[in-house]
Amino acid sequence: NFGTALRISNVEMKTFMRNGIGQLREGNVFLEPIFFTRMRLSDTWQLQYTSSGNFGLNNRKFMSAGNSLFTIGAVVNIGGARNKKGHTE
């Protein structure tokens, strides 16, 4: 199975120091579309990989968007109901 999610984050600085000198604080709103895919290896195990990137809505000098992200993980089903075919949902 596969899917898409959209994460929205509002980030504000409390303090901002550069070389021991206080700077103007910045804030930004980030949008992060996340795409994921799961592959069933068995009734218990699934392999999941996700990819995403983030985009800052405001043009800032220091608090700007970061890098793209790719992750691989395992999903373990430790229970759950069985469907008509006998597979865990």
N, C-alpha and C. Protein backbone atom coordinates (compact mmCIF):
# COMPACT_ATOMS: atom_id res chain seq x y z
N ASN A 1 0.83 -1.18 0.00
CA ASN A 1 0.00 0.00 0.00
C ASN A 1 0.88 1.25 0.00
N PHE A 2 0.28 2.38 -0.25
CA PHE A 2 1.05 3.62 -0.38
C PHE A 2 0.17 4.79 0.03
N GLY A 3 0.77 5.94 0.22
CA GLY A 3 -0.01 7.11 0.60
C GLY A 3 0.82 8.38 0.58
N THR A 4 0.14 9.47 0.87
CA THR A 4 0.75 10.79 0.90
C THR A 4 0.23 11.55 2.11
N ALA A 5 1.08 12.31 2.74
CA ALA A 5 0.68 13.16 3.86
C ALA A 5 1.31 14.54 3.66
N LEU A 6 0.73 15.54 4.26
CA LEU A 6 1.29 16.89 4.21
C LEU A 6 1.45 17.39 5.64
N ARG A 7 2.70 17.65 6.01
CA ARG A 7 2.99 18.17 7.35
C ARG A 7 3.25 19.67 7.23
N ILE A 8 2.64 20.44 8.12
CA ILE A 8 2.83 21.89 8.16
C ILE A 8 3.40 22.25 9.53
N SER A 9 4.51 22.97 9.56
CA SER A 9 5.17 23.34 10.82
C SER A 9 5.38 24.84 10.86
N ASN A 10 5.05 25.45 11.99
CA ASN A 10 5.33 26.86 12.24
C ASN A 10 6.46 26.91 13.26
N VAL A 11 7.60 27.44 12.87
CA VAL A 11 8.79 27.44 13.72
C VAL A 11 9.18 28.88 14.02
N GLU A 12 9.36 29.19 15.30
CA GLU A 12 9.77 30.53 15.75
C GLU A 12 11.00 30.40 16.64
N MET A 13 11.95 31.31 16.52
CA MET A 13 13.13 31.33 17.39
C MET A 13 12.79 32.00 18.71
N LYS A 14 13.35 31.47 19.80
CA LYS A 14 13.23 32.14 21.10
C LYS A 14 14.39 33.11 21.27
N THR A 15 15.59 32.64 21.02
CA THR A 15 16.79 33.49 21.03
C THR A 15 17.64 33.11 19.83
N PHE A 16 18.42 34.05 19.35
CA PHE A 16 19.29 33.79 18.20
C PHE A 16 20.60 34.51 18.43
N MET A 17 21.66 33.75 18.65
CA MET A 17 22.99 34.30 18.90
C MET A 17 23.93 33.84 17.78
N ARG A 18 24.74 34.79 17.29
CA ARG A 18 25.80 34.47 16.34
C ARG A 18 27.07 35.10 16.84
N ASN A 19 28.08 34.26 17.08
CA ASN A 19 29.37 34.73 17.60
C ASN A 19 29.19 35.52 18.89
N GLY A 20 28.25 35.06 19.73
CA GLY A 20 28.01 35.70 21.02
C GLY A 20 27.22 37.00 20.96
N ILE A 21 26.72 37.36 19.80
CA ILE A 21 25.97 38.61 19.63
C ILE A 21 24.52 38.27 19.29
N GLY A 22 23.60 38.88 20.02
CA GLY A 22 22.18 38.65 19.76
C GLY A 22 21.77 39.16 18.38
N GLN A 23 20.97 38.39 17.68
CA GLN A 23 20.50 38.73 16.33
C GLN A 23 18.98 38.85 16.34
N LEU A 24 18.44 39.44 15.29
CA LEU A 24 16.99 39.49 15.14
C LEU A 24 16.46 38.06 14.98
N ARG A 25 15.39 37.79 15.71
CA ARG A 25 14.79 36.45 15.63
C ARG A 25 14.04 36.30 14.31
N GLU A 26 13.98 35.06 13.85
CA GLU A 26 13.26 34.74 12.63
C GLU A 26 12.24 33.64 12.90
N GLY A 27 11.30 33.53 12.02
CA GLY A 27 10.32 32.46 12.05
C GLY A 27 9.97 32.08 10.63
N ASN A 28 9.41 30.90 10.46
CA ASN A 28 9.03 30.47 9.13
C ASN A 28 7.96 29.40 9.24
N VAL A 29 7.22 29.23 8.17
CA VAL A 29 6.23 28.16 8.06
C VAL A 29 6.75 27.21 7.00
N PHE A 30 6.83 25.92 7.35
CA PHE A 30 7.36 24.91 6.44
C PHE A 30 6.26 23.95 6.01
N LEU A 31 6.25 23.64 4.72
CA LEU A 31 5.37 22.60 4.17
C LEU A 31 6.24 21.41 3.81
N GLU A 32 5.81 20.21 4.21
CA GLU A 32 6.58 19.01 3.92
C GLU A 32 5.66 17.92 3.38
N PRO A 33 5.63 17.75 2.05
CA PRO A 33 4.87 16.62 1.51
C PRO A 33 5.64 15.33 1.74
N ILE A 34 4.96 14.32 2.23
CA ILE A 34 5.57 13.03 2.57
C ILE A 34 4.91 11.95 1.72
N PHE A 35 5.72 11.15 1.06
CA PHE A 35 5.23 10.04 0.25
C PHE A 35 5.75 8.74 0.86
N PHE A 36 4.87 7.77 1.08
CA PHE A 36 5.33 6.52 1.67
C PHE A 36 4.78 5.33 0.90
N THR A 37 5.52 4.25 0.95
CA THR A 37 5.12 2.98 0.34
C THR A 37 5.45 1.87 1.31
N ARG A 38 4.53 0.93 1.46
CA ARG A 38 4.77 -0.25 2.28
C ARG A 38 4.66 -1.50 1.42
N MET A 39 5.58 -2.42 1.64
CA MET A 39 5.56 -3.70 0.93
C MET A 39 5.45 -4.82 1.96
N ARG A 40 4.44 -5.66 1.81
CA ARG A 40 4.22 -6.75 2.77
C ARG A 40 5.20 -7.87 2.49
N LEU A 41 6.01 -8.20 3.50
CA LEU A 41 6.96 -9.29 3.39
C LEU A 41 6.37 -10.59 3.93
N SER A 42 5.51 -10.46 4.95
CA SER A 42 4.80 -11.60 5.54
C SER A 42 3.59 -11.04 6.26
N ASP A 43 2.84 -11.90 6.95
CA ASP A 43 1.69 -11.41 7.72
C ASP A 43 2.12 -10.48 8.84
N THR A 44 3.34 -10.63 9.31
CA THR A 44 3.83 -9.85 10.45
C THR A 44 4.68 -8.65 10.03
N TRP A 45 5.48 -8.80 8.99
CA TRP A 45 6.48 -7.79 8.63
C TRP A 45 6.11 -7.05 7.35
N GLN A 46 6.36 -5.72 7.37
CA GLN A 46 6.24 -4.88 6.19
C GLN A 46 7.49 -4.01 6.10
N LEU A 47 7.92 -3.75 4.88
CA LEU A 47 9.02 -2.83 4.63
C LEU A 47 8.41 -1.50 4.21
N GLN A 48 8.85 -0.41 4.83
CA GLN A 48 8.29 0.91 4.50
C GLN A 48 9.42 1.85 4.12
N TYR A 49 9.22 2.61 3.05
CA TYR A 49 10.16 3.69 2.74
C TYR A 49 9.39 4.97 2.49
N THR A 50 9.98 6.06 2.91
CA THR A 50 9.36 7.37 2.76
C THR A 50 10.34 8.32 2.10
N SER A 51 9.81 9.28 1.39
CA SER A 51 10.63 10.35 0.83
C SER A 51 9.86 11.66 1.02
N SER A 52 10.60 12.71 1.27
CA SER A 52 9.97 14.01 1.48
C SER A 52 11.01 15.11 1.29
N GLY A 53 10.52 16.30 1.24
CA GLY A 53 11.36 17.50 1.19
C GLY A 53 10.57 18.60 1.85
N ASN A 54 11.22 19.66 2.29
CA ASN A 54 10.42 20.74 2.90
C ASN A 54 10.66 22.05 2.18
N PHE A 55 9.64 22.89 2.26
CA PHE A 55 9.64 24.16 1.56
C PHE A 55 9.22 25.25 2.54
N GLY A 56 10.02 26.29 2.65
CA GLY A 56 9.69 27.42 3.51
C GLY A 56 8.80 28.41 2.78
N LEU A 57 7.74 28.87 3.43
CA LEU A 57 6.83 29.82 2.79
C LEU A 57 7.36 31.25 2.81
N ASN A 58 8.26 31.54 3.76
CA ASN A 58 8.81 32.89 3.88
C ASN A 58 10.29 32.88 3.51
N ASN A 59 10.75 33.94 2.87
CA ASN A 59 12.15 34.07 2.50
C ASN A 59 12.91 34.60 3.70
N ARG A 60 13.74 33.77 4.32
CA ARG A 60 14.51 34.14 5.50
C ARG A 60 16.00 33.94 5.23
N LYS A 61 16.82 34.72 5.95
CA LYS A 61 18.26 34.61 5.77
C LYS A 61 18.81 33.35 6.43
N PHE A 62 18.34 33.02 7.64
CA PHE A 62 18.89 31.89 8.37
C PHE A 62 17.93 30.72 8.49
N MET A 63 16.67 30.99 8.76
CA MET A 63 15.71 29.90 8.96
C MET A 63 15.02 29.59 7.63
N SER A 64 15.72 28.82 6.82
CA SER A 64 15.20 28.47 5.50
C SER A 64 14.96 26.96 5.45
N ALA A 65 14.41 26.50 4.35
CA ALA A 65 14.08 25.08 4.20
C ALA A 65 15.35 24.24 4.19
N GLY A 66 15.21 23.00 4.63
CA GLY A 66 16.35 22.09 4.72
C GLY A 66 16.45 21.17 3.53
N ASN A 67 17.01 20.02 3.77
CA ASN A 67 17.28 19.04 2.72
C ASN A 67 16.12 18.07 2.55
N SER A 68 16.16 17.33 1.46
CA SER A 68 15.18 16.27 1.27
C SER A 68 15.54 15.08 2.16
N LEU A 69 14.58 14.19 2.34
CA LEU A 69 14.74 13.10 3.29
C LEU A 69 14.28 11.80 2.66
N PHE A 70 15.02 10.72 2.90
CA PHE A 70 14.64 9.38 2.46
C PHE A 70 14.87 8.43 3.62
N THR A 71 13.88 7.65 3.99
CA THR A 71 14.03 6.71 5.10
C THR A 71 13.54 5.34 4.70
N ILE A 72 14.11 4.33 5.31
CA ILE A 72 13.67 2.94 5.16
C ILE A 72 13.43 2.40 6.55
N GLY A 73 12.32 1.70 6.73
CA GLY A 73 12.01 1.17 8.05
C GLY A 73 11.22 -0.12 7.96
N ALA A 74 11.02 -0.73 9.09
CA ALA A 74 10.25 -1.97 9.20
C ALA A 74 9.01 -1.70 10.03
N VAL A 75 7.90 -2.29 9.61
CA VAL A 75 6.65 -2.22 10.35
C VAL A 75 6.34 -3.63 10.82
N VAL A 76 6.12 -3.79 12.13
CA VAL A 76 5.84 -5.10 12.71
C VAL A 76 4.42 -5.09 13.26
N ASN A 77 3.61 -6.03 12.81
CA ASN A 77 2.25 -6.17 13.29
C ASN A 77 2.26 -7.12 14.49
N ILE A 78 1.87 -6.62 15.65
CA ILE A 78 1.89 -7.44 16.87
C ILE A 78 0.47 -7.71 17.35
N GLY A 79 -0.38 -8.11 16.46
CA GLY A 79 -1.78 -8.39 16.79
C GLY A 79 -2.63 -8.01 15.61
N GLY A 80 -3.78 -7.46 15.88
CA GLY A 80 -4.65 -7.01 14.80
C GLY A 80 -5.64 -8.08 14.39
N ALA A 81 -6.66 -7.64 13.70
CA ALA A 81 -7.72 -8.56 13.26
C ALA A 81 -7.31 -9.25 11.97
N ARG A 82 -7.81 -10.45 11.78
CA ARG A 82 -7.55 -11.20 10.56
C ARG A 82 -8.70 -10.99 9.59
N ASN A 83 -8.37 -10.80 8.31
CA ASN A 83 -9.42 -10.64 7.31
C ASN A 83 -9.89 -12.01 6.83
N LYS A 84 -10.78 -12.04 5.85
CA LYS A 84 -11.37 -13.30 5.38
C LYS A 84 -10.34 -14.23 4.76
N LYS A 85 -9.25 -13.67 4.23
CA LYS A 85 -8.20 -14.50 3.63
C LYS A 85 -7.21 -15.01 4.67
N GLY A 86 -7.37 -14.60 5.92
CA GLY A 86 -6.47 -15.04 6.98
C GLY A 86 -5.28 -14.13 7.20
N HIS A 87 -5.20 -13.03 6.44
CA HIS A 87 -4.09 -12.09 6.62
C HIS A 87 -4.43 -11.08 7.69
N THR A 88 -3.41 -10.60 8.40
CA THR A 88 -3.59 -9.58 9.42
C THR A 88 -3.78 -8.23 8.76
N GLU A 89 -4.72 -7.45 9.26
CA GLU A 89 -4.97 -6.11 8.73
C GLU A 89 -4.32 -5.07 9.59
